[in-house]
Amino acid sequence: MEEKPKIIDTHVHFFDKRDATSDLEWSWLAAGADHPIRGNIDPIKAIRFDIDSLDAESRFAGVEGFVHIQSATGLKDPVLETLWLEKMRLKSHIPFQIVGSVDLASLNAVDQLERHLSASKHFVGVRDRSIKYGLVAGDTSTYSPALAFMARQNLVLDFLCEYPNMLGGRKLAESNPNLTLVLEHIGFPRSRDFEYFRNWSLALSELCQAPNVVCKVSGLGMTDPRFDAKSLEPWMQHCLDSFGPARLIIGSNWPIDRLYSSYDSIMKIYRDFFSGLGRDEQELIFNRNARQIYSF
């Protein structure tokens, strides 16, 4: 039997609330705090979730690497998270890369980026949650110096962009043609009804016209907690039809999506769905694209 393609999981979150030396905060994990989309997430509010914890859950899924996406919140200095992650990375037998946080519209954005790069040789990109609001306003000029610096340094922009903002996302990508933009969670669909799917699919078809945008198939359980392979199929199919195998990657959104599934189950859904493609195309989606984008 042919060995299945290895997986690089491009969307995980690490935290350790026991580490009193790091000055890190994870406000979304605080007692009584609710997730802005899912509400009560108490079942996953552990004290620590690190690379060893993730390895224990994923070791039978054929995963060979991960990408941590910014998780610490409420920090005056987001470089602290990168410093903390670098220490973990240097002790880990499993490779993972780091996407951190930067306020790309701030006057010191380039300075923050330089400090991230100095803090870790595994720092490969940025998630700035505020950038979607810039897209809504149609004004991305405040981001230009930081985005230009990121392009020169081969850093990636992981961005949240719901379907009403995807035209703005395309404009942002086209105005920064040397920058790779990764659409998180297929655009974070908030509903799974027919009208929403139609609007989302039209907008995704618009966004994919920018050749430097990549679609991350991840976080599919957050607004469809009772999902199964059949319910996810049309969403994944449209991503495949729009972006093609050369611009698709996958992620688990672990441990958040543990609320809805086991790790092996969601990876099996991905594997089964893409199994009809040729071996080379599967390798692109499961690992090769991620290796190039996140500089493994």
C-alpha atoms as a PDB file:
ATOM      1  CA  MET A   1       0.000   0.000   0.000  1.00  0.00           C
ATOM      2  CA  GLU A   2       1.337   3.433  -0.977  1.00  0.00           C
ATOM      3  CA  GLU A   3       2.262   5.629   1.968  1.00  0.00           C
ATOM      4  CA  LYS A   4      -0.038   8.604   2.428  1.00  0.00           C
ATOM      5  CA  PRO A   5       1.386  12.113   2.006  1.00  0.00           C
ATOM      6  CA  LYS A   6       2.814  13.634   5.151  1.00  0.00           C
ATOM      7  CA  ILE A   7       0.961  16.620   6.599  1.00  0.00           C
ATOM      8  CA  ILE A   8       2.154  20.038   7.676  1.00  0.00           C
ATOM      9  CA  ASP A   9      -0.562  21.418   9.916  1.00  0.00           C
ATOM     10  CA  THR A  10      -0.525  25.169   9.302  1.00  0.00           C
ATOM     11  CA  HIS A  11      -2.798  26.357  12.102  1.00  0.00           C
ATOM     12  CA  VAL A  12      -2.220  25.491  15.770  1.00  0.00           C
ATOM     13  CA  HIS A  13      -2.101  27.516  18.978  1.00  0.00           C
ATOM     14  CA  PHE A  14       0.270  26.965  21.909  1.00  0.00           C
ATOM     15  CA  PHE A  15      -0.089  28.387  25.404  1.00  0.00           C
ATOM     16  CA  ASP A  16       1.213  27.802  28.929  1.00  0.00           C
ATOM     17  CA  LYS A  17      -0.449  29.669  31.773  1.00  0.00           C
ATOM     18  CA  ARG A  18       1.953  28.085  34.260  1.00  0.00           C
ATOM     19  CA  ASP A  19       4.914  30.017  32.840  1.00  0.00           C
ATOM     20  CA  ALA A  20       5.138  32.967  35.231  1.00  0.00           C
ATOM     21  CA  THR A  21       8.433  34.161  33.741  1.00  0.00           C
ATOM     22  CA  SER A  22       7.170  34.980  30.256  1.00  0.00           C
ATOM     23  CA  ASP A  23       4.755  37.888  31.027  1.00  0.00           C
ATOM     24  CA  LEU A  24       2.394  36.384  28.467  1.00  0.00           C
ATOM     25  CA  GLU A  25      -1.387  36.587  28.570  1.00  0.00           C
ATOM     26  CA  TRP A  26      -4.071  34.462  26.962  1.00  0.00           C
ATOM     27  CA  SER A  27      -7.220  36.395  27.798  1.00  0.00           C
ATOM     28  CA  TRP A  28      -9.404  34.127  25.649  1.00  0.00           C
ATOM     29  CA  LEU A  29      -8.578  31.289  28.083  1.00  0.00           C
ATOM     30  CA  ALA A  30      -9.428  33.196  31.252  1.00  0.00           C
ATOM     31  CA  ALA A  31     -12.073  31.828  33.598  1.00  0.00           C
ATOM     32  CA  GLY A  32     -15.457  33.061  32.459  1.00  0.00           C
ATOM     33  CA  ALA A  33     -14.189  34.318  29.095  1.00  0.00           C
ATOM     34  CA  ASP A  34     -16.231  33.354  26.029  1.00  0.00           C
ATOM     35  CA  HIS A  35     -15.010  32.893  22.479  1.00  0.00           C
ATOM     36  CA  PRO A  36     -16.363  35.686  20.201  1.00  0.00           C
ATOM     37  CA  ILE A  37     -17.825  33.091  17.804  1.00  0.00           C
ATOM     38  CA  ARG A  38     -18.376  29.873  19.718  1.00  0.00           C
ATOM     39  CA  GLY A  39     -19.168  31.292  23.146  1.00  0.00           C
ATOM     40  CA  ASN A  40     -18.388  28.723  25.831  1.00  0.00           C
ATOM     41  CA  ILE A  41     -15.063  26.984  25.154  1.00  0.00           C
ATOM     42  CA  ASP A  42     -14.451  25.751  28.697  1.00  0.00           C
ATOM     43  CA  PRO A  43     -13.761  22.139  27.578  1.00  0.00           C
ATOM     44  CA  ILE A  44     -10.455  23.185  25.981  1.00  0.00           C
ATOM     45  CA  LYS A  45      -9.300  25.624  28.667  1.00  0.00           C
ATOM     46  CA  ALA A  46      -6.278  23.657  29.798  1.00  0.00           C
ATOM     47  CA  ILE A  47      -3.412  25.125  31.783  1.00  0.00           C
ATOM     48  CA  ARG A  48      -0.924  24.254  29.054  1.00  0.00           C
ATOM     49  CA  PHE A  49      -0.989  23.179  25.430  1.00  0.00           C
ATOM     50  CA  ASP A  50       2.499  22.911  23.965  1.00  0.00           C
ATOM     51  CA  ILE A  51       4.272  20.968  21.229  1.00  0.00           C
ATOM     52  CA  ASP A  52       4.421  17.829  23.379  1.00  0.00           C
ATOM     53  CA  SER A  53       0.674  18.017  24.013  1.00  0.00           C
ATOM     54  CA  LEU A  54       0.026  18.394  20.313  1.00  0.00           C
ATOM     55  CA  ASP A  55       2.368  15.533  19.449  1.00  0.00           C
ATOM     56  CA  ALA A  56       0.405  13.248  21.765  1.00  0.00           C
ATOM     57  CA  GLU A  57      -2.829  13.974  19.856  1.00  0.00           C
ATOM     58  CA  SER A  58      -1.451  14.042  16.317  1.00  0.00           C
ATOM     59  CA  ARG A  59       1.230  11.337  16.259  1.00  0.00           C
ATOM     60  CA  PHE A  60      -0.876   8.787  14.367  1.00  0.00           C
ATOM     61  CA  ALA A  61      -2.079  11.280  11.735  1.00  0.00           C
ATOM     62  CA  GLY A  62       1.120  11.415   9.680  1.00  0.00           C
ATOM     63  CA  VAL A  63       2.016  14.991  10.624  1.00  0.00           C
ATOM     64  CA  GLU A  64       5.610  16.114  10.192  1.00  0.00           C
ATOM     65  CA  GLY A  65       5.428  19.806  11.113  1.00  0.00           C
ATOM     66  CA  PHE A  66       3.246  22.613  12.413  1.00  0.00           C
ATOM     67  CA  VAL A  67       2.721  26.365  12.164  1.00  0.00           C
ATOM     68  CA  HIS A  68       1.832  28.169  15.392  1.00  0.00           C
ATOM     69  CA  ILE A  69      -0.493  31.106  14.770  1.00  0.00           C
ATOM     70  CA  GLN A  70      -0.513  34.035  17.190  1.00  0.00           C
ATOM     71  CA  SER A  71      -2.279  33.007  20.370  1.00  0.00           C
ATOM     72  CA  ALA A  72      -1.173  35.294  23.220  1.00  0.00           C
ATOM     73  CA  THR A  73      -3.434  38.332  23.632  1.00  0.00           C
ATOM     74  CA  GLY A  74      -3.357  41.625  25.474  1.00  0.00           C
ATOM     75  CA  LEU A  75       0.410  42.025  25.182  1.00  0.00           C
ATOM     76  CA  LYS A  76       2.105  45.403  25.165  1.00  0.00           C
ATOM     77  CA  ASP A  77       5.009  43.744  23.386  1.00  0.00           C
ATOM     78  CA  PRO A  78       3.978  40.907  21.017  1.00  0.00           C
ATOM     79  CA  VAL A  79       7.626  39.885  20.571  1.00  0.00           C
ATOM     80  CA  LEU A  80       7.381  38.239  23.997  1.00  0.00           C
ATOM     81  CA  GLU A  81       5.324  35.443  22.468  1.00  0.00           C
ATOM     82  CA  THR A  82       7.923  34.827  19.775  1.00  0.00           C
ATOM     83  CA  LEU A  83      10.723  34.690  22.365  1.00  0.00           C
ATOM     84  CA  TRP A  84       8.724  32.174  24.411  1.00  0.00           C
ATOM     85  CA  LEU A  85       7.958  30.036  21.363  1.00  0.00           C
ATOM     86  CA  GLU A  86      11.565  30.046  20.207  1.00  0.00           C
ATOM     87  CA  LYS A  87      12.626  28.466  23.496  1.00  0.00           C
ATOM     88  CA  MET A  88      10.036  25.744  22.975  1.00  0.00           C
ATOM     89  CA  ARG A  89      11.057  25.272  19.351  1.00  0.00           C
ATOM     90  CA  LEU A  90      14.723  24.773  20.173  1.00  0.00           C
ATOM     91  CA  LYS A  91      13.814  21.927  22.559  1.00  0.00           C
ATOM     92  CA  SER A  92      11.296  20.280  20.249  1.00  0.00           C
ATOM     93  CA  HIS A  93      11.997  17.196  18.154  1.00  0.00           C
ATOM     94  CA  ILE A  94       9.103  18.232  15.880  1.00  0.00           C
ATOM     95  CA  PRO A  95       9.611  21.275  13.659  1.00  0.00           C
ATOM     96  CA  PHE A  96       7.214  24.180  13.877  1.00  0.00           C
ATOM     97  CA  GLN A  97       7.289  27.698  12.508  1.00  0.00           C
ATOM     98  CA  ILE A  98       5.978  30.856  14.139  1.00  0.00           C
ATOM     99  CA  VAL A  99       3.417  33.375  12.900  1.00  0.00           C
ATOM    100  CA  GLY A 100       3.299  36.210  15.426  1.00  0.00           C
ATOM    101  CA  SER A 101       1.405  39.397  16.060  1.00  0.00           C
ATOM    102  CA  VAL A 102       2.227  42.900  14.812  1.00  0.00           C
ATOM    103  CA  ASP A 103       0.067  46.002  14.573  1.00  0.00           C
ATOM    104  CA  LEU A 104       0.861  46.605  10.924  1.00  0.00           C
ATOM    105  CA  ALA A 105      -0.729  50.037  10.928  1.00  0.00           C
ATOM    106  CA  SER A 106       1.415  51.352  13.777  1.00  0.00           C
ATOM    107  CA  LEU A 107       4.360  53.695  13.263  1.00  0.00           C
ATOM    108  CA  ASN A 108       6.727  51.143  14.810  1.00  0.00           C
ATOM    109  CA  ALA A 109       5.465  48.148  12.812  1.00  0.00           C
ATOM    110  CA  VAL A 110       8.730  47.671  10.926  1.00  0.00           C
ATOM    111  CA  ASP A 111      10.669  47.887  14.177  1.00  0.00           C
ATOM    112  CA  GLN A 112       8.427  45.184  15.671  1.00  0.00           C
ATOM    113  CA  LEU A 113       8.975  42.987  12.634  1.00  0.00           C
ATOM    114  CA  GLU A 114      12.730  43.375  12.914  1.00  0.00           C
ATOM    115  CA  ARG A 115      12.588  42.454  16.607  1.00  0.00           C
ATOM    116  CA  HIS A 116      10.520  39.337  15.835  1.00  0.00           C
ATOM    117  CA  LEU A 117      13.109  38.300  13.259  1.00  0.00           C
ATOM    118  CA  SER A 118      15.915  38.849  15.765  1.00  0.00           C
ATOM    119  CA  ALA A 119      14.032  36.879  18.420  1.00  0.00           C
ATOM    120  CA  SER A 120      13.587  33.733  16.350  1.00  0.00           C
ATOM    121  CA  LYS A 121      14.958  32.167  13.194  1.00  0.00           C
ATOM    122  CA  HIS A 122      11.608  30.351  12.959  1.00  0.00           C
ATOM    123  CA  PHE A 123       9.515  33.527  12.756  1.00  0.00           C
ATOM    124  CA  VAL A 124       7.910  33.431   9.300  1.00  0.00           C
ATOM    125  CA  GLY A 125       4.895  35.701   9.316  1.00  0.00           C
ATOM    126  CA  VAL A 126       2.254  37.877  10.931  1.00  0.00           C
ATOM    127  CA  ARG A 127      -1.371  37.751  11.855  1.00  0.00           C
ATOM    128  CA  ASP A 128      -2.842  41.195  12.463  1.00  0.00           C
ATOM    129  CA  ARG A 129      -6.480  40.862  13.473  1.00  0.00           C
ATOM    130  CA  SER A 130      -7.100  44.569  12.835  1.00  0.00           C
ATOM    131  CA  ILE A 131      -6.247  44.447   9.151  1.00  0.00           C
ATOM    132  CA  LYS A 132      -9.726  43.256   8.216  1.00  0.00           C
ATOM    133  CA  TYR A 133     -11.087  46.602   9.387  1.00  0.00           C
ATOM    134  CA  GLY A 134      -8.721  48.371   7.031  1.00  0.00           C
ATOM    135  CA  LEU A 135     -10.092  46.215   4.257  1.00  0.00           C
ATOM    136  CA  VAL A 136     -13.630  47.241   5.131  1.00  0.00           C
ATOM    137  CA  ALA A 137     -12.657  50.898   4.883  1.00  0.00           C
ATOM    138  CA  GLY A 138     -10.823  50.311   1.610  1.00  0.00           C
ATOM    139  CA  ASP A 139      -7.759  52.100   2.981  1.00  0.00           C
ATOM    140  CA  THR A 140      -4.595  50.026   3.179  1.00  0.00           C
ATOM    141  CA  SER A 141      -2.055  52.846   2.844  1.00  0.00           C
ATOM    142  CA  THR A 142      -1.221  52.764   6.561  1.00  0.00           C
ATOM    143  CA  TYR A 143      -0.077  49.171   6.147  1.00  0.00           C
ATOM    144  CA  SER A 144       2.151  49.811   3.137  1.00  0.00           C
ATOM    145  CA  PRO A 145       5.574  50.256   4.833  1.00  0.00           C
ATOM    146  CA  ALA A 146       5.146  47.136   6.969  1.00  0.00           C
ATOM    147  CA  LEU A 147       3.792  45.035   4.107  1.00  0.00           C
ATOM    148  CA  ALA A 148       6.633  46.127   1.840  1.00  0.00           C
ATOM    149  CA  PHE A 149       9.130  45.146   4.544  1.00  0.00           C
ATOM    150  CA  MET A 150       7.414  41.772   4.953  1.00  0.00           C
ATOM    151  CA  ALA A 151       7.636  41.105   1.225  1.00  0.00           C
ATOM    152  CA  ARG A 152      11.353  41.896   1.212  1.00  0.00           C
ATOM    153  CA  GLN A 153      11.906  39.532   4.142  1.00  0.00           C
ATOM    154  CA  ASN A 154       9.770  36.750   2.633  1.00  0.00           C
ATOM    155  CA  LEU A 155       7.318  36.945   5.539  1.00  0.00           C
ATOM    156  CA  VAL A 156       3.714  35.776   5.189  1.00  0.00           C
ATOM    157  CA  LEU A 157       0.519  37.635   6.081  1.00  0.00           C
ATOM    158  CA  ASP A 158      -2.065  35.292   7.623  1.00  0.00           C
ATOM    159  CA  PHE A 159      -5.253  37.316   7.426  1.00  0.00           C
ATOM    160  CA  LEU A 160      -8.858  37.042   8.570  1.00  0.00           C
ATOM    161  CA  CYS A 161     -11.145  38.094   5.760  1.00  0.00           C
ATOM    162  CA  GLU A 162     -14.842  37.299   5.800  1.00  0.00           C
ATOM    163  CA  TYR A 163     -16.693  37.315   2.502  1.00  0.00           C
ATOM    164  CA  PRO A 164     -17.910  40.973   2.612  1.00  0.00           C
ATOM    165  CA  ASN A 165     -14.237  42.021   2.771  1.00  0.00           C
ATOM    166  CA  MET A 166     -12.826  39.742   0.082  1.00  0.00           C
ATOM    167  CA  LEU A 167     -12.867  42.366  -2.646  1.00  0.00           C
ATOM    168  CA  GLY A 168     -10.751  44.509  -0.333  1.00  0.00           C
ATOM    169  CA  GLY A 169      -8.554  41.486   0.285  1.00  0.00           C
ATOM    170  CA  ARG A 170      -7.987  41.099  -3.436  1.00  0.00           C
ATOM    171  CA  LYS A 171      -7.046  44.786  -3.746  1.00  0.00           C
ATOM    172  CA  LEU A 172      -4.648  44.449  -0.828  1.00  0.00           C
ATOM    173  CA  ALA A 173      -2.999  41.434  -2.442  1.00  0.00           C
ATOM    174  CA  GLU A 174      -2.767  43.071  -5.853  1.00  0.00           C
ATOM    175  CA  SER A 175      -1.166  46.178  -4.373  1.00  0.00           C
ATOM    176  CA  ASN A 176       1.470  43.962  -2.728  1.00  0.00           C
ATOM    177  CA  PRO A 177       2.252  41.422  -5.472  1.00  0.00           C
ATOM    178  CA  ASN A 178       5.468  40.189  -3.850  1.00  0.00           C
ATOM    179  CA  LEU A 179       3.749  39.377  -0.547  1.00  0.00           C
ATOM    180  CA  THR A 180       2.088  36.008   0.117  1.00  0.00           C
ATOM    181  CA  LEU A 181      -1.289  36.328   1.832  1.00  0.00           C
ATOM    182  CA  VAL A 182      -2.900  33.292   3.464  1.00  0.00           C
ATOM    183  CA  LEU A 183      -6.676  33.375   3.898  1.00  0.00           C
ATOM    184  CA  GLU A 184      -7.405  31.803   7.273  1.00  0.00           C
ATOM    185  CA  HIS A 185     -10.274  29.385   7.883  1.00  0.00           C
ATOM    186  CA  ILE A 186     -11.548  29.670   4.260  1.00  0.00           C
ATOM    187  CA  GLY A 187     -12.813  33.139   5.175  1.00  0.00           C
ATOM    188  CA  PHE A 188     -14.349  32.201   8.520  1.00  0.00           C
ATOM    189  CA  PRO A 189     -17.912  31.482   7.308  1.00  0.00           C
ATOM    190  CA  ARG A 190     -20.381  32.433  10.038  1.00  0.00           C
ATOM    191  CA  SER A 191     -23.344  30.489   8.683  1.00  0.00           C
ATOM    192  CA  ARG A 192     -23.851  27.352   6.609  1.00  0.00           C
ATOM    193  CA  ASP A 193     -27.142  28.177   4.881  1.00  0.00           C
ATOM    194  CA  PHE A 194     -27.591  28.410   1.116  1.00  0.00           C
ATOM    195  CA  GLU A 195     -27.628  32.219   0.884  1.00  0.00           C
ATOM    196  CA  TYR A 196     -24.438  32.553   2.906  1.00  0.00           C
ATOM    197  CA  PHE A 197     -22.741  29.852   0.835  1.00  0.00           C
ATOM    198  CA  ARG A 198     -23.682  31.644  -2.390  1.00  0.00           C
ATOM    199  CA  ASN A 199     -22.339  34.994  -1.174  1.00  0.00           C
ATOM    200  CA  TRP A 200     -19.181  33.400   0.211  1.00  0.00           C
ATOM    201  CA  SER A 201     -18.513  31.384  -2.942  1.00  0.00           C
ATOM    202  CA  LEU A 202     -18.901  34.431  -5.194  1.00  0.00           C
ATOM    203  CA  ALA A 203     -16.575  36.459  -2.985  1.00  0.00           C
ATOM    204  CA  LEU A 204     -14.004  33.637  -2.802  1.00  0.00           C
ATOM    205  CA  SER A 205     -14.029  33.419  -6.595  1.00  0.00           C
ATOM    206  CA  GLU A 206     -13.190  37.126  -6.601  1.00  0.00           C
ATOM    207  CA  LEU A 207     -10.412  36.863  -4.023  1.00  0.00           C
ATOM    208  CA  CYS A 208      -8.674  33.973  -5.749  1.00  0.00           C
ATOM    209  CA  GLN A 209      -8.035  36.163  -8.815  1.00  0.00           C
ATOM    210  CA  ALA A 210      -5.055  37.600  -6.924  1.00  0.00           C
ATOM    211  CA  PRO A 211      -2.329  35.014  -7.602  1.00  0.00           C
ATOM    212  CA  ASN A 212      -0.467  35.712  -4.357  1.00  0.00           C
ATOM    213  CA  VAL A 213      -3.398  34.649  -2.139  1.00  0.00           C
ATOM    214  CA  VAL A 214      -3.412  31.121  -0.699  1.00  0.00           C
ATOM    215  CA  CYS A 215      -6.454  29.501   0.921  1.00  0.00           C
ATOM    216  CA  LYS A 216      -6.061  27.699   4.246  1.00  0.00           C
ATOM    217  CA  VAL A 217      -8.632  24.946   4.765  1.00  0.00           C
ATOM    218  CA  SER A 218      -8.908  25.105   8.552  1.00  0.00           C
ATOM    219  CA  GLY A 219     -11.226  25.953  11.430  1.00  0.00           C
ATOM    220  CA  LEU A 220     -14.188  24.384   9.659  1.00  0.00           C
ATOM    221  CA  GLY A 221     -15.870  23.307  12.873  1.00  0.00           C
ATOM    222  CA  MET A 222     -16.185  26.698  14.520  1.00  0.00           C
ATOM    223  CA  THR A 223     -19.437  27.640  12.811  1.00  0.00           C
ATOM    224  CA  ASP A 224     -20.574  24.096  11.975  1.00  0.00           C
ATOM    225  CA  PRO A 225     -19.984  22.190  15.229  1.00  0.00           C
ATOM    226  CA  ARG A 226     -22.054  19.206  14.045  1.00  0.00           C
ATOM    227  CA  PHE A 227     -20.129  18.946  10.781  1.00  0.00           C
ATOM    228  CA  ASP A 228     -19.391  15.731   8.947  1.00  0.00           C
ATOM    229  CA  ALA A 229     -17.598  14.921   5.709  1.00  0.00           C
ATOM    230  CA  LYS A 230     -20.732  15.525   3.634  1.00  0.00           C
ATOM    231  CA  SER A 231     -21.510  18.942   5.116  1.00  0.00           C
ATOM    232  CA  LEU A 232     -17.940  20.156   4.557  1.00  0.00           C
ATOM    233  CA  GLU A 233     -17.644  18.839   1.017  1.00  0.00           C
ATOM    234  CA  PRO A 234     -19.185  21.779  -0.929  1.00  0.00           C
ATOM    235  CA  TRP A 235     -17.051  24.294   0.996  1.00  0.00           C
ATOM    236  CA  MET A 236     -13.842  22.388   0.393  1.00  0.00           C
ATOM    237  CA  GLN A 237     -14.782  21.736  -3.217  1.00  0.00           C
ATOM    238  CA  HIS A 238     -15.247  25.424  -3.941  1.00  0.00           C
ATOM    239  CA  CYS A 239     -11.879  26.185  -2.343  1.00  0.00           C
ATOM    240  CA  LEU A 240     -10.281  23.547  -4.565  1.00  0.00           C
ATOM    241  CA  ASP A 241     -12.087  24.788  -7.689  1.00  0.00           C
ATOM    242  CA  SER A 242     -11.125  28.392  -6.954  1.00  0.00           C
ATOM    243  CA  PHE A 243      -7.516  28.113  -5.831  1.00  0.00           C
ATOM    244  CA  GLY A 244      -6.419  24.764  -7.230  1.00  0.00           C
ATOM    245  CA  PRO A 245      -3.954  22.400  -5.535  1.00  0.00           C
ATOM    246  CA  ALA A 246      -1.046  24.827  -5.970  1.00  0.00           C
ATOM    247  CA  ARG A 247      -2.663  27.412  -3.643  1.00  0.00           C
ATOM    248  CA  LEU A 248      -4.289  25.304  -0.936  1.00  0.00           C
ATOM    249  CA  ILE A 249      -2.959  24.318   2.491  1.00  0.00           C
ATOM    250  CA  ILE A 250      -4.611  22.676   5.496  1.00  0.00           C
ATOM    251  CA  GLY A 251      -4.722  23.354   9.216  1.00  0.00           C
ATOM    252  CA  SER A 252      -6.368  21.834  12.260  1.00  0.00           C
ATOM    253  CA  ASN A 253      -7.023  24.948  14.392  1.00  0.00           C
ATOM    254  CA  TRP A 254      -5.971  22.816  17.352  1.00  0.00           C
ATOM    255  CA  PRO A 255      -6.820  22.742  20.198  1.00  0.00           C
ATOM    256  CA  ILE A 256      -9.898  24.935  19.552  1.00  0.00           C
ATOM    257  CA  ASP A 257     -11.465  22.511  17.073  1.00  0.00           C
ATOM    258  CA  ARG A 258     -11.096  19.726  19.621  1.00  0.00           C
ATOM    259  CA  LEU A 259     -14.469  21.059  20.767  1.00  0.00           C
ATOM    260  CA  TYR A 260     -16.018  19.386  17.723  1.00  0.00           C
ATOM    261  CA  SER A 261     -13.784  16.505  16.667  1.00  0.00           C
ATOM    262  CA  SER A 262     -10.744  14.372  17.300  1.00  0.00           C
ATOM    263  CA  TYR A 263      -7.510  15.273  15.534  1.00  0.00           C
ATOM    264  CA  ASP A 264      -7.414  12.053  13.503  1.00  0.00           C
ATOM    265  CA  SER A 265     -11.034  12.482  12.417  1.00  0.00           C
ATOM    266  CA  ILE A 266     -10.607  15.926  10.870  1.00  0.00           C
ATOM    267  CA  MET A 267      -7.382  14.908   9.146  1.00  0.00           C
ATOM    268  CA  LYS A 268      -9.128  11.830   7.742  1.00  0.00           C
ATOM    269  CA  ILE A 269     -11.849  14.061   6.291  1.00  0.00           C
ATOM    270  CA  TYR A 270      -9.155  16.113   4.561  1.00  0.00           C
ATOM    271  CA  ARG A 271      -7.338  13.039   3.300  1.00  0.00           C
ATOM    272  CA  ASP A 272     -10.509  11.377   2.024  1.00  0.00           C
ATOM    273  CA  PHE A 273     -11.724  14.513   0.268  1.00  0.00           C
ATOM    274  CA  PHE A 274      -8.461  15.117  -1.601  1.00  0.00           C
ATOM    275  CA  SER A 275      -7.817  11.418  -2.282  1.00  0.00           C
ATOM    276  CA  GLY A 276      -9.256  11.716  -5.781  1.00  0.00           C
ATOM    277  CA  LEU A 277      -6.398  13.991  -6.820  1.00  0.00           C
ATOM    278  CA  GLY A 278      -3.081  12.753  -8.154  1.00  0.00           C
ATOM    279  CA  ARG A 279      -0.247  12.060  -5.759  1.00  0.00           C
ATOM    280  CA  ASP A 280       1.659  15.223  -6.728  1.00  0.00           C
ATOM    281  CA  GLU A 281      -1.425  17.387  -6.173  1.00  0.00           C
ATOM    282  CA  GLN A 282      -2.042  15.821  -2.768  1.00  0.00           C
ATOM    283  CA  GLU A 283       1.578  16.451  -1.791  1.00  0.00           C
ATOM    284  CA  LEU A 284       1.146  20.116  -2.714  1.00  0.00           C
ATOM    285  CA  ILE A 285      -1.899  20.534  -0.494  1.00  0.00           C
ATOM    286  CA  PHE A 286      -0.680  18.485   2.455  1.00  0.00           C
ATOM    287  CA  ASN A 287       2.934  19.596   2.694  1.00  0.00           C
ATOM    288  CA  ARG A 288       4.794  21.136  -0.260  1.00  0.00           C
ATOM    289  CA  ASN A 289       2.860  24.400  -0.389  1.00  0.00           C
ATOM    290  CA  ALA A 290       3.246  24.843   3.357  1.00  0.00           C
ATOM    291  CA  ARG A 291       6.968  24.138   3.179  1.00  0.00           C
ATOM    292  CA  GLN A 292       7.425  26.912   0.640  1.00  0.00           C
ATOM    293  CA  ILE A 293       5.035  29.436   2.191  1.00  0.00           C
ATOM    294  CA  TYR A 294       6.219  29.056   5.772  1.00  0.00           C
ATOM    295  CA  SER A 295       9.906  28.493   4.950  1.00  0.00           C
ATOM    296  CA  PHE A 296      10.401  25.034   6.420  1.00  0.00           C
END
